[in-house]
Amino acid sequence: SGLYFCQTPKSALVCYVKDLIYLLKYLAIPTTFTFLFLIIN
């Protein structure tokens, strides 16, 4: 555990969700565009 290691079920879930949030921030514009396009069509 520590740094990039999250090797218990709870910490793995917390780390992965944080990682996913970072990704969503990073890809906010293409994500918004793509999902809006899908919803509209």
Full PDB file with SEQRES, HELIX, SHEET, SSBOND, CRYST1, ORIGX, SCALE, CONECT and MASTER records, all heavy atoms in Angstrom:
SEQRES   1 A   41  SER GLY LEU TYR PHE CYS GLN THR PRO LYS SER ALA LEU          
SEQRES   2 A   41  VAL CYS TYR VAL LYS ASP LEU ILE TYR LEU LEU LYS TYR          
SEQRES   3 A   41  LEU ALA ILE PRO THR THR PHE THR PHE LEU PHE LEU ILE          
SEQRES   4 A   41  ILE ASN                                                      
HELIX    1 AA1 PRO A    9  TYR A   26  1                                  18    
HELIX    2 AA2 ALA A   28  ILE A   40  1                                  13    
SSBOND   1 CYS A    6    CYS A   15                          1555   1555  1.77  
CRYST1    1.000    1.000    1.000  90.00  90.00  90.00 P 1           1          
ORIGX1      1.000000  0.000000  0.000000        0.00000                         
ORIGX2      0.000000  1.000000  0.000000        0.00000                         
ORIGX3      0.000000  0.000000  1.000000        0.00000                         
SCALE1      1.000000  0.000000  0.000000        0.00000                         
SCALE2      0.000000  1.000000  0.000000        0.00000                         
SCALE3      0.000000  0.000000  1.000000        0.00000                         
ATOM      1  N   SER A   1       0.856  -1.183   0.000  1.00  0.00           N  
ATOM      2  CA  SER A   1       0.000   0.000   0.000  1.00  0.00           C  
ATOM      3  C   SER A   1       0.889   1.228   0.000  1.00  0.00           C  
ATOM      4  O   SER A   1       2.052   1.176   0.375  1.00  0.00           O  
ATOM      5  CB  SER A   1      -0.924   0.011   1.220  1.00  0.00           C  
ATOM      6  OG  SER A   1      -0.169   0.075   2.407  1.00  0.00           O  
ATOM      7  N   GLY A   2       0.333   2.330  -0.455  1.00  0.00           N  
ATOM      8  CA  GLY A   2       1.089   3.572  -0.545  1.00  0.00           C  
ATOM      9  C   GLY A   2       1.550   3.811  -1.967  1.00  0.00           C  
ATOM     10  O   GLY A   2       1.639   2.899  -2.769  1.00  0.00           O  
ATOM     11  N   LEU A   3       1.813   5.067  -2.275  1.00  0.00           N  
ATOM     12  CA  LEU A   3       2.159   5.503  -3.622  1.00  0.00           C  
ATOM     13  C   LEU A   3       1.091   5.022  -4.595  1.00  0.00           C  
ATOM     14  O   LEU A   3      -0.054   5.390  -4.480  1.00  0.00           O  
ATOM     15  CB  LEU A   3       3.553   5.034  -4.024  1.00  0.00           C  
ATOM     16  CG  LEU A   3       4.707   5.672  -3.266  1.00  0.00           C  
ATOM     17  CD1 LEU A   3       6.025   5.021  -3.674  1.00  0.00           C  
ATOM     18  CD2 LEU A   3       4.774   7.172  -3.507  1.00  0.00           C  
ATOM     19  N   TYR A   4       1.457   4.177  -5.532  1.00  0.00           N  
ATOM     20  CA  TYR A   4       0.493   3.687  -6.511  1.00  0.00           C  
ATOM     21  C   TYR A   4      -0.083   2.327  -6.141  1.00  0.00           C  
ATOM     22  O   TYR A   4      -0.862   1.764  -6.893  1.00  0.00           O  
ATOM     23  CB  TYR A   4       1.142   3.580  -7.889  1.00  0.00           C  
ATOM     24  CG  TYR A   4       1.551   4.909  -8.478  1.00  0.00           C  
ATOM     25  CD1 TYR A   4       2.797   5.068  -9.056  1.00  0.00           C  
ATOM     26  CD2 TYR A   4       0.699   5.990  -8.465  1.00  0.00           C  
ATOM     27  CE1 TYR A   4       3.172   6.274  -9.607  1.00  0.00           C  
ATOM     28  CE2 TYR A   4       1.064   7.202  -9.003  1.00  0.00           C  
ATOM     29  CZ  TYR A   4       2.295   7.340  -9.582  1.00  0.00           C  
ATOM     30  OH  TYR A   4       2.661   8.536 -10.131  1.00  0.00           O  
ATOM     31  N   PHE A   5       0.305   1.776  -4.995  1.00  0.00           N  
ATOM     32  CA  PHE A   5      -0.153   0.451  -4.611  1.00  0.00           C  
ATOM     33  C   PHE A   5      -1.437   0.546  -3.794  1.00  0.00           C  
ATOM     34  O   PHE A   5      -1.498   1.244  -2.794  1.00  0.00           O  
ATOM     35  CB  PHE A   5       0.911  -0.281  -3.794  1.00  0.00           C  
ATOM     36  CG  PHE A   5       2.139  -0.594  -4.584  1.00  0.00           C  
ATOM     37  CD1 PHE A   5       3.283   0.181  -4.455  1.00  0.00           C  
ATOM     38  CD2 PHE A   5       2.161  -1.650  -5.473  1.00  0.00           C  
ATOM     39  CE1 PHE A   5       4.418  -0.111  -5.187  1.00  0.00           C  
ATOM     40  CE2 PHE A   5       3.286  -1.947  -6.212  1.00  0.00           C  
ATOM     41  CZ  PHE A   5       4.414  -1.173  -6.066  1.00  0.00           C  
ATOM     42  N   CYS A   6      -2.454  -0.157  -4.231  1.00  0.00           N  
ATOM     43  CA  CYS A   6      -3.747  -0.209  -3.548  1.00  0.00           C  
ATOM     44  C   CYS A   6      -4.189  -1.668  -3.545  1.00  0.00           C  
ATOM     45  O   CYS A   6      -4.995  -2.071  -4.379  1.00  0.00           O  
ATOM     46  CB  CYS A   6      -4.756   0.672  -4.258  1.00  0.00           C  
ATOM     47  SG  CYS A   6      -4.268   2.388  -4.400  1.00  0.00           S  
ATOM     48  N   GLN A   7      -3.649  -2.437  -2.615  1.00  0.00           N  
ATOM     49  CA  GLN A   7      -3.821  -3.877  -2.699  1.00  0.00           C  
ATOM     50  C   GLN A   7      -4.636  -4.468  -1.559  1.00  0.00           C  
ATOM     51  O   GLN A   7      -4.256  -5.451  -0.931  1.00  0.00           O  
ATOM     52  CB  GLN A   7      -2.455  -4.546  -2.827  1.00  0.00           C  
ATOM     53  CG  GLN A   7      -1.769  -4.117  -4.107  1.00  0.00           C  
ATOM     54  CD  GLN A   7      -0.457  -4.818  -4.356  1.00  0.00           C  
ATOM     55  OE1 GLN A   7       0.077  -5.519  -3.510  1.00  0.00           O  
ATOM     56  NE2 GLN A   7       0.080  -4.624  -5.550  1.00  0.00           N  
ATOM     57  N   THR A   8      -5.767  -3.845  -1.317  1.00  0.00           N  
ATOM     58  CA  THR A   8      -6.849  -4.443  -0.534  1.00  0.00           C  
ATOM     59  C   THR A   8      -8.117  -4.151  -1.332  1.00  0.00           C  
ATOM     60  O   THR A   8      -8.130  -3.207  -2.132  1.00  0.00           O  
ATOM     61  CB  THR A   8      -6.968  -3.842   0.884  1.00  0.00           C  
ATOM     62  OG1 THR A   8      -7.354  -2.475   0.777  1.00  0.00           O  
ATOM     63  CG2 THR A   8      -5.667  -3.973   1.674  1.00  0.00           C  
ATOM     64  N   PRO A   9      -9.169  -4.928  -1.151  1.00  0.00           N  
ATOM     65  CA  PRO A   9     -10.374  -4.662  -1.955  1.00  0.00           C  
ATOM     66  C   PRO A   9     -10.877  -3.222  -1.818  1.00  0.00           C  
ATOM     67  O   PRO A   9     -11.199  -2.581  -2.816  1.00  0.00           O  
ATOM     68  CB  PRO A   9     -11.393  -5.673  -1.415  1.00  0.00           C  
ATOM     69  CG  PRO A   9     -10.552  -6.804  -0.933  1.00  0.00           C  
ATOM     70  CD  PRO A   9      -9.306  -6.163  -0.371  1.00  0.00           C  
ATOM     71  N   LYS A  10     -10.926  -2.706  -0.598  1.00  0.00           N  
ATOM     72  CA  LYS A  10     -11.430  -1.352  -0.392  1.00  0.00           C  
ATOM     73  C   LYS A  10     -10.505  -0.310  -1.025  1.00  0.00           C  
ATOM     74  O   LYS A  10     -10.963   0.582  -1.748  1.00  0.00           O  
ATOM     75  CB  LYS A  10     -11.592  -1.064   1.097  1.00  0.00           C  
ATOM     76  CG  LYS A  10     -12.157   0.306   1.384  1.00  0.00           C  
ATOM     77  CD  LYS A  10     -12.302   0.556   2.864  1.00  0.00           C  
ATOM     78  CE  LYS A  10     -12.814   1.963   3.117  1.00  0.00           C  
ATOM     79  NZ  LYS A  10     -12.935   2.253   4.532  1.00  0.00           N  
ATOM     80  N   SER A  11      -9.208  -0.427  -0.785  1.00  0.00           N  
ATOM     81  CA  SER A  11      -8.283   0.569  -1.341  1.00  0.00           C  
ATOM     82  C   SER A  11      -8.196   0.463  -2.861  1.00  0.00           C  
ATOM     83  O   SER A  11      -8.042   1.471  -3.549  1.00  0.00           O  
ATOM     84  CB  SER A  11      -6.894   0.451  -0.705  1.00  0.00           C  
ATOM     85  OG  SER A  11      -6.271  -0.767  -1.050  1.00  0.00           O  
ATOM     86  N   ALA A  12      -8.330  -0.743  -3.406  1.00  0.00           N  
ATOM     87  CA  ALA A  12      -8.325  -0.901  -4.865  1.00  0.00           C  
ATOM     88  C   ALA A  12      -9.512  -0.172  -5.476  1.00  0.00           C  
ATOM     89  O   ALA A  12      -9.366   0.526  -6.475  1.00  0.00           O  
ATOM     90  CB  ALA A  12      -8.351  -2.379  -5.243  1.00  0.00           C  
ATOM     91  N   LEU A  13     -10.666  -0.306  -4.856  1.00  0.00           N  
ATOM     92  CA  LEU A  13     -11.853   0.378  -5.362  1.00  0.00           C  
ATOM     93  C   LEU A  13     -11.698   1.894  -5.258  1.00  0.00           C  
ATOM     94  O   LEU A  13     -11.994   2.619  -6.214  1.00  0.00           O  
ATOM     95  CB  LEU A  13     -13.094  -0.092  -4.606  1.00  0.00           C  
ATOM     96  CG  LEU A  13     -14.431   0.415  -5.116  1.00  0.00           C  
ATOM     97  CD1 LEU A  13     -14.653   0.010  -6.561  1.00  0.00           C  
ATOM     98  CD2 LEU A  13     -15.555  -0.105  -4.256  1.00  0.00           C  
ATOM     99  N   VAL A  14     -11.199   2.373  -4.122  1.00  0.00           N  
ATOM    100  CA  VAL A  14     -10.999   3.812  -3.936  1.00  0.00           C  
ATOM    101  C   VAL A  14      -9.988   4.348  -4.957  1.00  0.00           C  
ATOM    102  O   VAL A  14     -10.225   5.372  -5.608  1.00  0.00           O  
ATOM    103  CB  VAL A  14     -10.548   4.124  -2.491  1.00  0.00           C  
ATOM    104  CG1 VAL A  14     -10.060   5.551  -2.359  1.00  0.00           C  
ATOM    105  CG2 VAL A  14     -11.681   3.856  -1.513  1.00  0.00           C  
ATOM    106  N   CYS A  15      -8.871   3.671  -5.121  1.00  0.00           N  
ATOM    107  CA  CYS A  15      -7.852   4.111  -6.074  1.00  0.00           C  
ATOM    108  C   CYS A  15      -8.372   4.098  -7.502  1.00  0.00           C  
ATOM    109  O   CYS A  15      -8.113   5.023  -8.268  1.00  0.00           O  
ATOM    110  CB  CYS A  15      -6.607   3.232  -5.977  1.00  0.00           C  
ATOM    111  SG  CYS A  15      -5.643   3.505  -4.492  1.00  0.00           S  
ATOM    112  N   TYR A  16      -9.110   3.055  -7.849  1.00  0.00           N  
ATOM    113  CA  TYR A  16      -9.600   2.968  -9.224  1.00  0.00           C  
ATOM    114  C   TYR A  16     -10.636   4.047  -9.514  1.00  0.00           C  
ATOM    115  O   TYR A  16     -10.648   4.630 -10.591  1.00  0.00           O  
ATOM    116  CB  TYR A  16     -10.167   1.582  -9.511  1.00  0.00           C  
ATOM    117  CG  TYR A  16     -10.293   1.328 -10.986  1.00  0.00           C  
ATOM    118  CD1 TYR A  16      -9.172   1.036 -11.746  1.00  0.00           C  
ATOM    119  CD2 TYR A  16     -11.512   1.428 -11.634  1.00  0.00           C  
ATOM    120  CE1 TYR A  16      -9.268   0.829 -13.117  1.00  0.00           C  
ATOM    121  CE2 TYR A  16     -11.611   1.224 -12.997  1.00  0.00           C  
ATOM    122  CZ  TYR A  16     -10.486   0.917 -13.726  1.00  0.00           C  
ATOM    123  OH  TYR A  16     -10.585   0.727 -15.079  1.00  0.00           O  
ATOM    124  N   VAL A  17     -11.504   4.345  -8.547  1.00  0.00           N  
ATOM    125  CA  VAL A  17     -12.492   5.405  -8.733  1.00  0.00           C  
ATOM    126  C   VAL A  17     -11.788   6.756  -8.863  1.00  0.00           C  
ATOM    127  O   VAL A  17     -12.145   7.562  -9.732  1.00  0.00           O  
ATOM    128  CB  VAL A  17     -13.532   5.411  -7.589  1.00  0.00           C  
ATOM    129  CG1 VAL A  17     -14.376   6.668  -7.611  1.00  0.00           C  
ATOM    130  CG2 VAL A  17     -14.423   4.176  -7.686  1.00  0.00           C  
ATOM    131  N   LYS A  18     -10.763   7.010  -8.041  1.00  0.00           N  
ATOM    132  CA  LYS A  18      -9.987   8.249  -8.177  1.00  0.00           C  
ATOM    133  C   LYS A  18      -9.346   8.326  -9.556  1.00  0.00           C  
ATOM    134  O   LYS A  18      -9.367   9.372 -10.213  1.00  0.00           O  
ATOM    135  CB  LYS A  18      -8.894   8.325  -7.108  1.00  0.00           C  
ATOM    136  CG  LYS A  18      -9.379   8.679  -5.744  1.00  0.00           C  
ATOM    137  CD  LYS A  18      -8.191   8.752  -4.793  1.00  0.00           C  
ATOM    138  CE  LYS A  18      -8.606   8.987  -3.383  1.00  0.00           C  
ATOM    139  NZ  LYS A  18      -7.458   8.997  -2.455  1.00  0.00           N  
ATOM    140  N   ASP A  19      -8.789   7.227  -9.988  1.00  0.00           N  
ATOM    141  CA  ASP A  19      -8.149   7.154 -11.296  1.00  0.00           C  
ATOM    142  C   ASP A  19      -9.159   7.437 -12.412  1.00  0.00           C  
ATOM    143  O   ASP A  19      -8.874   8.159 -13.355  1.00  0.00           O  
ATOM    144  CB  ASP A  19      -7.532   5.763 -11.462  1.00  0.00           C  
ATOM    145  CG  ASP A  19      -6.470   5.693 -12.527  1.00  0.00           C  
ATOM    146  OD1 ASP A  19      -5.592   6.562 -12.541  1.00  0.00           O  
ATOM    147  OD2 ASP A  19      -6.535   4.757 -13.335  1.00  0.00           O  
ATOM    148  N   LEU A  20     -10.353   6.887 -12.276  1.00  0.00           N  
ATOM    149  CA  LEU A  20     -11.401   7.102 -13.264  1.00  0.00           C  
ATOM    150  C   LEU A  20     -11.858   8.565 -13.275  1.00  0.00           C  
ATOM    151  O   LEU A  20     -12.109   9.135 -14.335  1.00  0.00           O  
ATOM    152  CB  LEU A  20     -12.584   6.178 -12.985  1.00  0.00           C  
ATOM    153  CG  LEU A  20     -13.672   6.088 -14.042  1.00  0.00           C  
ATOM    154  CD1 LEU A  20     -13.096   5.655 -15.383  1.00  0.00           C  
ATOM    155  CD2 LEU A  20     -14.752   5.131 -13.595  1.00  0.00           C  
ATOM    156  N   ILE A  21     -11.927   9.188 -12.109  1.00  0.00           N  
ATOM    157  CA  ILE A  21     -12.292  10.608 -12.036  1.00  0.00           C  
ATOM    158  C   ILE A  21     -11.234  11.458 -12.727  1.00  0.00           C  
ATOM    159  O   ILE A  21     -11.566  12.393 -13.467  1.00  0.00           O  
ATOM    160  CB  ILE A  21     -12.508  11.042 -10.573  1.00  0.00           C  
ATOM    161  CG1 ILE A  21     -13.794  10.406 -10.031  1.00  0.00           C  
ATOM    162  CG2 ILE A  21     -12.568  12.562 -10.450  1.00  0.00           C  
ATOM    163  CD1 ILE A  21     -13.984  10.541  -8.538  1.00  0.00           C  
ATOM    164  N   TYR A  22      -9.952  11.152 -12.507  1.00  0.00           N  
ATOM    165  CA  TYR A  22      -8.884  11.876 -13.214  1.00  0.00           C  
ATOM    166  C   TYR A  22      -9.051  11.734 -14.733  1.00  0.00           C  
ATOM    167  O   TYR A  22      -8.882  12.682 -15.475  1.00  0.00           O  
ATOM    168  CB  TYR A  22      -7.504  11.367 -12.811  1.00  0.00           C  
ATOM    169  CG  TYR A  22      -7.102  11.651 -11.398  1.00  0.00           C  
ATOM    170  CD1 TYR A  22      -6.308  10.754 -10.697  1.00  0.00           C  
ATOM    171  CD2 TYR A  22      -7.492  12.812 -10.738  1.00  0.00           C  
ATOM    172  CE1 TYR A  22      -5.921  11.002  -9.392  1.00  0.00           C  
ATOM    173  CE2 TYR A  22      -7.114  13.060  -9.440  1.00  0.00           C  
ATOM    174  CZ  TYR A  22      -6.326  12.158  -8.766  1.00  0.00           C  
ATOM    175  OH  TYR A  22      -5.945  12.405  -7.472  1.00  0.00           O  
ATOM    176  N   LEU A  23      -9.377  10.526 -15.166  1.00  0.00           N  
ATOM    177  CA  LEU A  23      -9.560  10.290 -16.598  1.00  0.00           C  
ATOM    178  C   LEU A  23     -10.751  11.081 -17.139  1.00  0.00           C  
ATOM    179  O   LEU A  23     -10.668  11.669 -18.213  1.00  0.00           O  
ATOM    180  CB  LEU A  23      -9.750   8.808 -16.889  1.00  0.00           C  
ATOM    181  CG  LEU A  23      -9.986   8.490 -18.357  1.00  0.00           C  
ATOM    182  CD1 LEU A  23      -8.690   8.646 -19.144  1.00  0.00           C  
ATOM    183  CD2 LEU A  23     -10.549   7.107 -18.524  1.00  0.00           C  
ATOM    184  N   LEU A  24     -11.851  11.099 -16.383  1.00  0.00           N  
ATOM    185  CA  LEU A  24     -13.025  11.844 -16.831  1.00  0.00           C  
ATOM    186  C   LEU A  24     -12.734  13.337 -16.924  1.00  0.00           C  
ATOM    187  O   LEU A  24     -13.223  14.013 -17.828  1.00  0.00           O  
ATOM    188  CB  LEU A  24     -14.210  11.569 -15.909  1.00  0.00           C  
ATOM    189  CG  LEU A  24     -14.786  10.161 -15.995  1.00  0.00           C  
ATOM    190  CD1 LEU A  24     -15.857   9.955 -14.935  1.00  0.00           C  
ATOM    191  CD2 LEU A  24     -15.331   9.874 -17.371  1.00  0.00           C  
ATOM    192  N   LYS A  25     -11.931  13.859 -16.008  1.00  0.00           N  
ATOM    193  CA  LYS A  25     -11.524  15.264 -16.094  1.00  0.00           C  
ATOM    194  C   LYS A  25     -10.651  15.477 -17.329  1.00  0.00           C  
ATOM    195  O   LYS A  25     -10.801  16.465 -18.041  1.00  0.00           O  
ATOM    196  CB  LYS A  25     -10.754  15.686 -14.850  1.00  0.00           C  
ATOM    197  CG  LYS A  25     -11.613  15.839 -13.619  1.00  0.00           C  
ATOM    198  CD  LYS A  25     -10.768  16.222 -12.423  1.00  0.00           C  
ATOM    199  CE  LYS A  25     -11.578  16.322 -11.154  1.00  0.00           C  
ATOM    200  NZ  LYS A  25     -10.720  16.629  -9.988  1.00  0.00           N  
ATOM    201  N   TYR A  26      -9.753  14.556 -17.561  1.00  0.00           N  
ATOM    202  CA  TYR A  26      -8.835  14.656 -18.691  1.00  0.00           C  
ATOM    203  C   TYR A  26      -9.584  14.594 -20.030  1.00  0.00           C  
ATOM    204  O   TYR A  26      -9.252  15.298 -20.974  1.00  0.00           O  
ATOM    205  CB  TYR A  26      -7.798  13.539 -18.593  1.00  0.00           C  
ATOM    206  CG  TYR A  26      -6.813  13.474 -19.714  1.00  0.00           C  
ATOM    207  CD1 TYR A  26      -5.844  14.451 -19.880  1.00  0.00           C  
ATOM    208  CD2 TYR A  26      -6.839  12.414 -20.618  1.00  0.00           C  
ATOM    209  CE1 TYR A  26      -4.926  14.392 -20.915  1.00  0.00           C  
ATOM    210  CE2 TYR A  26      -5.922  12.342 -21.645  1.00  0.00           C  
ATOM    211  CZ  TYR A  26      -4.973  13.327 -21.790  1.00  0.00           C  
ATOM    212  OH  TYR A  26      -4.062  13.263 -22.821  1.00  0.00           O  
ATOM    213  N   LEU A  27     -10.600  13.741 -20.077  1.00  0.00           N  
ATOM    214  CA  LEU A  27     -11.360  13.546 -21.313  1.00  0.00           C  
ATOM    215  C   LEU A  27     -12.748  14.183 -21.253  1.00  0.00           C  
ATOM    216  O   LEU A  27     -13.681  13.716 -21.910  1.00  0.00           O  
ATOM    217  CB  LEU A  27     -11.500  12.048 -21.601  1.00  0.00           C  
ATOM    218  CG  LEU A  27     -10.221  11.284 -21.882  1.00  0.00           C  
ATOM    219  CD1 LEU A  27     -10.509   9.794 -22.041  1.00  0.00           C  
ATOM    220  CD2 LEU A  27      -9.535  11.822 -23.122  1.00  0.00           C  
ATOM    221  N   ALA A  28     -12.903  15.253 -20.486  1.00  0.00           N  
ATOM    222  CA  ALA A  28     -14.220  15.862 -20.274  1.00  0.00           C  
ATOM    223  C   ALA A  28     -14.853  16.341 -21.569  1.00  0.00           C  
ATOM    224  O   ALA A  28     -16.041  16.087 -21.811  1.00  0.00           O  
ATOM    225  CB  ALA A  28     -14.113  17.016 -19.277  1.00  0.00           C  
ATOM    226  N   ILE A  29     -14.103  17.008 -22.418  1.00  0.00           N  
ATOM    227  CA  ILE A  29     -14.680  17.555 -23.652  1.00  0.00           C  
ATOM    228  C   ILE A  29     -15.096  16.444 -24.620  1.00  0.00           C  
ATOM    229  O   ILE A  29     -16.249  16.424 -25.071  1.00  0.00           O  
ATOM    230  CB  ILE A  29     -13.721  18.570 -24.301  1.00  0.00           C  
ATOM    231  CG1 ILE A  29     -13.619  19.796 -23.398  1.00  0.00           C  
ATOM    232  CG2 ILE A  29     -14.191  18.958 -25.703  1.00  0.00           C  
ATOM    233  CD1 ILE A  29     -12.570  20.788 -23.813  1.00  0.00           C  
ATOM    234  N   PRO A  30     -14.220  15.480 -24.947  1.00  0.00           N  
ATOM    235  CA  PRO A  30     -14.690  14.422 -25.855  1.00  0.00           C  
ATOM    236  C   PRO A  30     -15.798  13.552 -25.244  1.00  0.00           C  
ATOM    237  O   PRO A  30     -16.688  13.099 -25.966  1.00  0.00           O  
ATOM    238  CB  PRO A  30     -13.445  13.599 -26.162  1.00  0.00           C  
ATOM    239  CG  PRO A  30     -12.397  14.047 -25.240  1.00  0.00           C  
ATOM    240  CD  PRO A  30     -12.796  15.350 -24.669  1.00  0.00           C  
ATOM    241  N   THR A  31     -15.764  13.362 -23.922  1.00  0.00           N  
ATOM    242  CA  THR A  31     -16.817  12.576 -23.275  1.00  0.00           C  
ATOM    243  C   THR A  31     -18.155  13.287 -23.393  1.00  0.00           C  
ATOM    244  O   THR A  31     -19.168  12.676 -23.766  1.00  0.00           O  
ATOM    245  CB  THR A  31     -16.474  12.337 -21.787  1.00  0.00           C  
ATOM    246  OG1 THR A  31     -15.233  11.645 -21.696  1.00  0.00           O  
ATOM    247  CG2 THR A  31     -17.558  11.526 -21.100  1.00  0.00           C  
ATOM    248  N   THR A  32     -18.167  14.574 -23.090  1.00  0.00           N  
ATOM    249  CA  THR A  32     -19.401  15.350 -23.183  1.00  0.00           C  
ATOM    250  C   THR A  32     -19.928  15.359 -24.603  1.00  0.00           C  
ATOM    251  O   THR A  32     -21.119  15.098 -24.835  1.00  0.00           O  
ATOM    252  CB  THR A  32     -19.151  16.798 -22.696  1.00  0.00           C  
ATOM    253  OG1 THR A  32     -18.631  16.756 -21.364  1.00  0.00           O  
ATOM    254  CG2 THR A  32     -20.428  17.609 -22.726  1.00  0.00           C  
ATOM    255  N   PHE A  33     -19.071  15.631 -25.553  1.00  0.00           N  
ATOM    256  CA  PHE A  33     -19.482  15.661 -26.957  1.00  0.00           C  
ATOM    257  C   PHE A  33     -20.057  14.317 -27.393  1.00  0.00           C  
ATOM    258  O   PHE A  33     -21.129  14.255 -28.010  1.00  0.00           O  
ATOM    259  CB  PHE A  33     -18.294  16.035 -27.847  1.00  0.00           C  
ATOM    260  CG  PHE A  33     -18.587  15.911 -29.308  1.00  0.00           C  
ATOM    261  CD1 PHE A  33     -19.327  16.888 -29.972  1.00  0.00           C  
ATOM    262  CD2 PHE A  33     -18.147  14.807 -30.030  1.00  0.00           C  
ATOM    263  CE1 PHE A  33     -19.608  16.765 -31.319  1.00  0.00           C  
ATOM    264  CE2 PHE A  33     -18.429  14.681 -31.374  1.00  0.00           C  
ATOM    265  CZ  PHE A  33     -19.160  15.671 -32.022  1.00  0.00           C  
ATOM    266  N   THR A  34     -19.366  13.244 -27.078  1.00  0.00           N  
ATOM    267  CA  THR A  34     -19.792  11.912 -27.518  1.00  0.00           C  
ATOM    268  C   THR A  34     -21.125  11.515 -26.905  1.00  0.00           C  
ATOM    269  O   THR A  34     -22.026  11.033 -27.603  1.00  0.00           O  
ATOM    270  CB  THR A  34     -18.706  10.874 -27.177  1.00  0.00           C  
ATOM    271  OG1 THR A  34     -17.486  11.265 -27.795  1.00  0.00           O  
ATOM    272  CG2 THR A  34     -19.094   9.494 -27.642  1.00  0.00           C  
ATOM    273  N   PHE A  35     -21.279  11.723 -25.595  1.00  0.00           N  
ATOM    274  CA  PHE A  35     -22.528  11.327 -24.956  1.00  0.00           C  
ATOM    275  C   PHE A  35     -23.695  12.222 -25.366  1.00  0.00           C  
ATOM    276  O   PHE A  35     -24.822  11.745 -25.507  1.00  0.00           O  
ATOM    277  CB  PHE A  35     -22.373  11.248 -23.435  1.00  0.00           C  
ATOM    278  CG  PHE A  35     -21.684   9.991 -23.005  1.00  0.00           C  
ATOM    279  CD1 PHE A  35     -20.369  10.011 -22.572  1.00  0.00           C  
ATOM    280  CD2 PHE A  35     -22.338   8.776 -23.055  1.00  0.00           C  
ATOM    281  CE1 PHE A  35     -19.727   8.853 -22.201  1.00  0.00           C  
ATOM    282  CE2 PHE A  35     -21.703   7.603 -22.676  1.00  0.00           C  
ATOM    283  CZ  PHE A  35     -20.400   7.644 -22.252  1.00  0.00           C  
ATOM    284  N   LEU A  36     -23.447  13.494 -25.567  1.00  0.00           N  
ATOM    285  CA  LEU A  36     -24.513  14.362 -26.081  1.00  0.00           C  
ATOM    286  C   LEU A  36     -24.945  13.920 -27.470  1.00  0.00           C  
ATOM    287  O   LEU A  36     -26.147  13.887 -27.780  1.00  0.00           O  
ATOM    288  CB  LEU A  36     -24.059  15.821 -26.110  1.00  0.00           C  
ATOM    289  CG  LEU A  36     -24.088  16.566 -24.786  1.00  0.00           C  
ATOM    290  CD1 LEU A  36     -23.506  17.964 -24.946  1.00  0.00           C  
ATOM    291  CD2 LEU A  36     -25.504  16.637 -24.235  1.00  0.00           C  
ATOM    292  N   PHE A  37     -23.997  13.580 -28.302  1.00  0.00           N  
ATOM    293  CA  PHE A  37     -24.313  13.083 -29.645  1.00  0.00           C  
ATOM    294  C   PHE A  37     -25.161  11.817 -29.574  1.00  0.00           C  
ATOM    295  O   PHE A  37     -26.148  11.673 -30.309  1.00  0.00           O  
ATOM    296  CB  PHE A  37     -23.026  12.829 -30.428  1.00  0.00           C  
ATOM    297  CG  PHE A  37     -23.260  12.439 -31.847  1.00  0.00           C  
ATOM    298  CD1 PHE A  37     -23.445  13.403 -32.821  1.00  0.00           C  
ATOM    299  CD2 PHE A  37     -23.315  11.097 -32.214  1.00  0.00           C  
ATOM    300  CE1 PHE A  37     -23.679  13.047 -34.145  1.00  0.00           C  
ATOM    301  CE2 PHE A  37     -23.545  10.730 -33.520  1.00  0.00           C  
ATOM    302  CZ  PHE A  37     -23.731  11.710 -34.493  1.00  0.00           C  
ATOM    303  N   LEU A  38     -24.785  10.891 -28.682  1.00  0.00           N  
ATOM    304  CA  LEU A  38     -25.554   9.651 -28.539  1.00  0.00           C  
ATOM    305  C   LEU A  38     -26.962   9.931 -28.035  1.00  0.00           C  
ATOM    306  O   LEU A  38     -27.936   9.337 -28.520  1.00  0.00           O  
ATOM    307  CB  LEU A  38     -24.841   8.687 -27.585  1.00  0.00           C  
ATOM    308  CG  LEU A  38     -23.596   8.002 -28.113  1.00  0.00           C  
ATOM    309  CD1 LEU A  38     -22.956   7.163 -27.022  1.00  0.00           C  
ATOM    310  CD2 LEU A  38     -23.921   7.149 -29.322  1.00  0.00           C  
ATOM    311  N   ILE A  39     -27.084  10.811 -27.052  1.00  0.00           N  
ATOM    312  CA  ILE A  39     -28.401  11.108 -26.481  1.00  0.00           C  
ATOM    313  C   ILE A  39     -29.304  11.780 -27.510  1.00  0.00           C  
ATOM    314  O   ILE A  39     -30.472  11.421 -27.650  1.00  0.00           O  
ATOM    315  CB  ILE A  39     -28.239  11.989 -25.216  1.00  0.00           C  
ATOM    316  CG1 ILE A  39     -27.602  11.171 -24.096  1.00  0.00           C  
ATOM    317  CG2 ILE A  39     -29.583  12.557 -24.767  1.00  0.00           C  
ATOM    318  CD1 ILE A  39     -27.114  11.988 -22.919  1.00  0.00           C  
ATOM    319  N   ILE A  40     -28.758  12.732 -28.248  1.00  0.00           N  
ATOM    320  CA  ILE A  40     -29.548  13.460 -29.246  1.00  0.00           C  
ATOM    321  C   ILE A  40     -30.021  12.528 -30.361  1.00  0.00           C  
ATOM    322  O   ILE A  40     -31.157  12.627 -30.829  1.00  0.00           O  
ATOM    323  CB  ILE A  40     -28.733  14.633 -29.823  1.00  0.00           C  
ATOM    324  CG1 ILE A  40     -28.555  15.704 -28.750  1.00  0.00           C  
ATOM    325  CG2 ILE A  40     -29.388  15.212 -31.066  1.00  0.00           C  
ATOM    326  CD1 ILE A  40     -27.535  16.776 -29.103  1.00  0.00           C  
ATOM    327  N   ASN A  41     -29.190  11.596 -30.771  1.00  0.00           N  
ATOM    328  CA  ASN A  41     -29.511  10.733 -31.908  1.00  0.00           C  
ATOM    329  C   ASN A  41     -30.051   9.359 -31.524  1.00  0.00           C  
ATOM    330  O   ASN A  41     -30.312   8.536 -32.400  1.00  0.00           O  
ATOM    331  CB  ASN A  41     -28.273  10.557 -32.791  1.00  0.00           C  
ATOM    332  CG  ASN A  41     -27.874  11.855 -33.434  1.00  0.00           C  
ATOM    333  OD1 ASN A  41     -28.679  12.505 -34.084  1.00  0.00           O  
ATOM    334  ND2 ASN A  41     -26.632  12.251 -33.234  1.00  0.00           N  
TER     335      ASN A  41                                                      
CONECT   47  111                                                                
CONECT  111   47                                                                
MASTER        0    0    0    2    0    0    0    6  334    1    2    4          
END                                                                             
